[in-house]
Amino acid sequence: MAKALAVLTLWLCIALSAFAATADKRQPDWAQLTPEQQQVLAPLSGDWKKLSERQRKKWLLLAKRYPTMKPEEQQRLQTQMQEWVKLTPKQRRVARENYKKLAKQPPEKRAVVKKEWQEYQKQKQAGVAKPTAEVVSPPAATSIEDPAPASQPR
């Protein structure tokens, strides 16, 4: 009887410690973030409760790195977060899909897409480009799987 009780106690201790470790890994709610984290992640405040644990962890790691970033990197991150939260769920899905497709492309193709994207951004800043509701990425990124015409180098 004493041996069974000792085994049960040991099992309970192990189970509770595993549960406690899992509970500690949960990413905090918005109210539990430090003021510094809230300031850095402010554009995401409205969507924070909708983010998965993995997404929250990613953003918290970025917030931790934020103070060591160059000012232009900080500004770019803030701008990207602000633009991301303005997207509809469908636009976000398209952007994620395009990113995954682009990541699978050879470096030369990614360089072409990057150049086209930079041109698009310049046009957008100049007020020339008119993005559509369907397209969240540059024109080339929406047709990444289409082969380039024979007259163009890859």
Protein backbone atom coordinates (compact mmCIF):
# COMPACT_ATOMS: atom_id res chain seq x y z
CA MET A 1 0.00 0.00 0.00
CA ALA A 2 2.78 2.43 0.91
CA LYS A 3 4.59 1.57 -2.31
CA ALA A 4 1.47 2.24 -4.38
CA LEU A 5 0.96 5.56 -2.58
CA ALA A 6 4.57 6.56 -3.27
CA VAL A 7 4.21 5.70 -6.96
CA LEU A 8 0.94 7.64 -7.16
CA THR A 9 2.53 10.65 -5.44
CA LEU A 10 5.50 10.53 -7.79
CA TRP A 11 3.22 10.28 -10.82
CA LEU A 12 1.14 13.23 -9.57
CA CYS A 13 4.27 15.36 -9.06
CA ILE A 14 5.49 14.60 -12.57
CA ALA A 15 2.08 15.28 -14.10
CA LEU A 16 1.65 18.56 -12.24
CA SER A 17 5.13 19.77 -13.15
CA ALA A 18 4.49 18.98 -16.81
CA PHE A 19 1.17 20.84 -16.63
CA ALA A 20 2.85 23.83 -14.97
CA ALA A 21 5.55 23.91 -17.64
CA THR A 22 2.91 23.88 -20.37
CA ALA A 23 0.94 26.66 -18.68
CA ASP A 24 4.08 28.80 -18.45
CA LYS A 25 4.62 28.55 -22.21
CA ARG A 26 1.25 30.14 -22.97
CA GLN A 27 1.77 33.50 -24.58
CA PRO A 28 0.29 36.40 -22.60
CA ASP A 29 -2.88 38.28 -23.29
CA TRP A 30 -2.56 41.91 -24.38
CA ALA A 31 -3.09 43.23 -20.83
CA GLN A 32 -0.23 41.03 -19.60
CA LEU A 33 2.32 42.55 -21.98
CA THR A 34 4.81 45.06 -20.64
CA PRO A 35 4.27 48.70 -21.61
CA GLU A 36 7.30 48.46 -23.92
CA GLN A 37 5.86 45.39 -25.68
CA GLN A 38 2.49 47.11 -26.02
CA GLN A 39 4.13 50.18 -27.53
CA VAL A 40 6.10 48.18 -30.10
CA LEU A 41 3.17 45.90 -30.96
CA ALA A 42 0.48 48.63 -30.80
CA PRO A 43 -0.74 48.08 -34.39
CA LEU A 44 -1.60 44.48 -33.44
CA SER A 45 -3.56 45.34 -30.29
CA GLY A 46 -6.97 44.85 -31.90
CA ASP A 47 -6.02 41.47 -33.36
CA TRP A 48 -3.90 40.16 -30.46
CA LYS A 49 -6.62 37.91 -29.04
CA LYS A 50 -7.14 36.35 -32.47
CA LEU A 51 -3.45 35.42 -32.89
CA SER A 52 -2.33 31.86 -32.28
CA GLU A 53 0.22 31.03 -29.58
CA ARG A 54 2.86 30.61 -32.30
CA GLN A 55 2.08 34.00 -33.82
CA ARG A 56 2.15 35.72 -30.44
CA LYS A 57 5.49 34.13 -29.67
CA LYS A 58 6.88 35.35 -33.00
CA TRP A 59 5.71 38.91 -32.35
CA LEU A 60 7.03 38.88 -28.79
CA LEU A 61 10.44 37.79 -30.04
CA LEU A 62 10.36 40.65 -32.55
CA ALA A 63 9.39 43.08 -29.79
CA LYS A 64 12.34 41.84 -27.75
CA ARG A 65 14.71 42.52 -30.68
CA TYR A 66 13.10 45.87 -31.48
CA PRO A 67 15.35 48.05 -29.27
CA THR A 68 18.47 46.68 -31.02
CA MET A 69 17.12 47.43 -34.51
CA LYS A 70 18.28 50.42 -36.52
CA PRO A 71 15.73 53.26 -36.66
CA GLU A 72 14.90 52.53 -40.32
CA GLU A 73 14.28 48.86 -39.45
CA GLN A 74 12.02 49.89 -36.58
CA GLN A 75 10.07 52.19 -38.90
CA ARG A 76 9.75 49.48 -41.54
CA LEU A 77 8.44 47.01 -38.96
CA GLN A 78 5.89 49.53 -37.67
CA THR A 79 4.74 50.31 -41.21
CA GLN A 80 4.44 46.63 -42.10
CA MET A 81 2.38 45.91 -38.98
CA GLN A 82 0.07 48.85 -39.73
CA GLU A 83 -0.44 47.68 -43.31
CA TRP A 84 -0.94 44.05 -42.24
CA VAL A 85 -3.78 44.84 -39.84
CA LYS A 86 -5.60 46.76 -42.58
CA LEU A 87 -5.75 43.66 -44.78
CA THR A 88 -8.81 41.46 -44.92
CA PRO A 89 -8.42 37.79 -43.96
CA LYS A 90 -8.56 36.89 -47.66
CA GLN A 91 -5.80 39.36 -48.51
CA ARG A 92 -3.66 38.00 -45.68
CA ARG A 93 -4.15 34.46 -46.96
CA VAL A 94 -3.11 35.51 -50.48
CA ALA A 95 -0.05 37.31 -49.09
CA ARG A 96 0.99 34.23 -47.09
CA GLU A 97 0.52 31.96 -50.12
CA ASN A 98 2.55 34.31 -52.32
CA TYR A 99 5.31 34.45 -49.72
CA LYS A 100 5.47 30.66 -49.55
CA LYS A 101 5.59 30.40 -53.35
CA LEU A 102 8.29 33.04 -53.57
CA ALA A 103 10.42 31.32 -50.92
CA LYS A 104 10.52 28.22 -53.14
CA GLN A 105 11.79 30.14 -56.16
CA PRO A 106 15.46 30.37 -57.18
CA PRO A 107 17.38 33.46 -56.00
CA GLU A 108 17.33 35.02 -59.49
CA LYS A 109 13.53 34.90 -59.64
CA ARG A 110 13.26 36.32 -56.11
CA ALA A 111 15.59 39.17 -57.11
CA VAL A 112 13.34 40.01 -60.10
CA VAL A 113 10.25 39.99 -57.89
CA LYS A 114 12.02 42.15 -55.29
CA LYS A 115 12.96 44.70 -57.96
CA GLU A 116 9.41 44.78 -59.32
CA TRP A 117 8.05 45.14 -55.79
CA GLN A 118 10.37 48.10 -55.13
CA GLU A 119 9.19 49.74 -58.35
CA TYR A 120 5.58 49.13 -57.33
CA GLN A 121 6.25 50.71 -53.92
CA LYS A 122 7.80 53.78 -55.59
CA GLN A 123 4.74 54.13 -57.82
CA LYS A 124 2.47 53.66 -54.83
CA GLN A 125 4.27 56.41 -52.89
CA ALA A 126 4.02 58.68 -55.93
CA GLY A 127 0.27 57.96 -56.08
CA VAL A 128 0.49 56.29 -59.50
CA ALA A 129 -0.11 52.66 -58.53
CA LYS A 130 -3.64 51.60 -57.70
CA PRO A 131 -3.64 48.35 -55.68
CA THR A 132 -6.70 46.17 -56.05
CA ALA A 133 -8.55 44.42 -53.24
CA GLU A 134 -7.46 41.04 -54.59
CA VAL A 135 -3.75 41.66 -55.06
CA VAL A 136 -1.64 42.19 -51.96
CA SER A 137 1.72 41.56 -53.55
CA PRO A 138 3.52 42.78 -56.66
CA PRO A 139 2.31 41.62 -60.05
CA ALA A 140 5.12 39.08 -60.51
CA ALA A 141 4.46 37.52 -57.12
CA THR A 142 0.88 36.71 -58.11
CA SER A 143 2.11 34.64 -61.04
CA ILE A 144 5.26 33.13 -59.57
CA GLU A 145 4.54 29.71 -61.00
CA ASP A 146 4.12 31.05 -64.54
CA PRO A 147 7.26 30.52 -66.58
CA ALA A 148 8.97 33.64 -67.89
CA PRO A 149 8.63 34.25 -71.64
CA ALA A 150 11.49 32.80 -73.68
CA SER A 151 12.74 36.29 -74.59
CA GLN A 152 13.35 37.19 -70.93
CA PRO A 153 16.29 35.78 -68.97
CA ARG A 154 15.43 33.84 -65.85
